[in-house]
């Protein structure tokens, strides 16, 4: 298993990984292009290009030559990053790849000198909240957004 930054010519692979991985989330929570068009299950190449232009750093996890998942970091302030786009393809889940991607993202955040990493998740997803809790993330609040059909839970980890 290796984790590496994506290359600029791999945007379509990022889109494919995100769409396939988040399709299971969309199915679990009844998300559609109509009620939640920004969900990563409906990701586009333009969205990833915009992410890259905003400074998101994407990383692929590969097992051999096969891309199995990804994660992204966005430095929001000098002292804080957002961890997002965490995705492991369904056929590669329960093999420690998500854990490896989170650990890698946290290492990258430390390397650029941030002291806090934040995430936003579907508040109803208690399994995911508990999973992030094992890394030391704690819930800091919730918020409703007009464009989302679910409550967002915010979590943070001090580095």
Foldseek 3Di string as FASTA:
>chain_A
DDKDWDDPVCLVVLLVQQLQQCVVVCVVVVNDCVQAVPRSVNDDSVVVVVCVVQPKIKMFDDDVNRTFWMWIWHAPDQAEIEIDRTGGHPVPPPPCPSVVRVVVVVVVSVVSPHFKYKYKDFPVPVVVVVVVVVVVWDWDDWDDDPSHPGIITMIMHTD
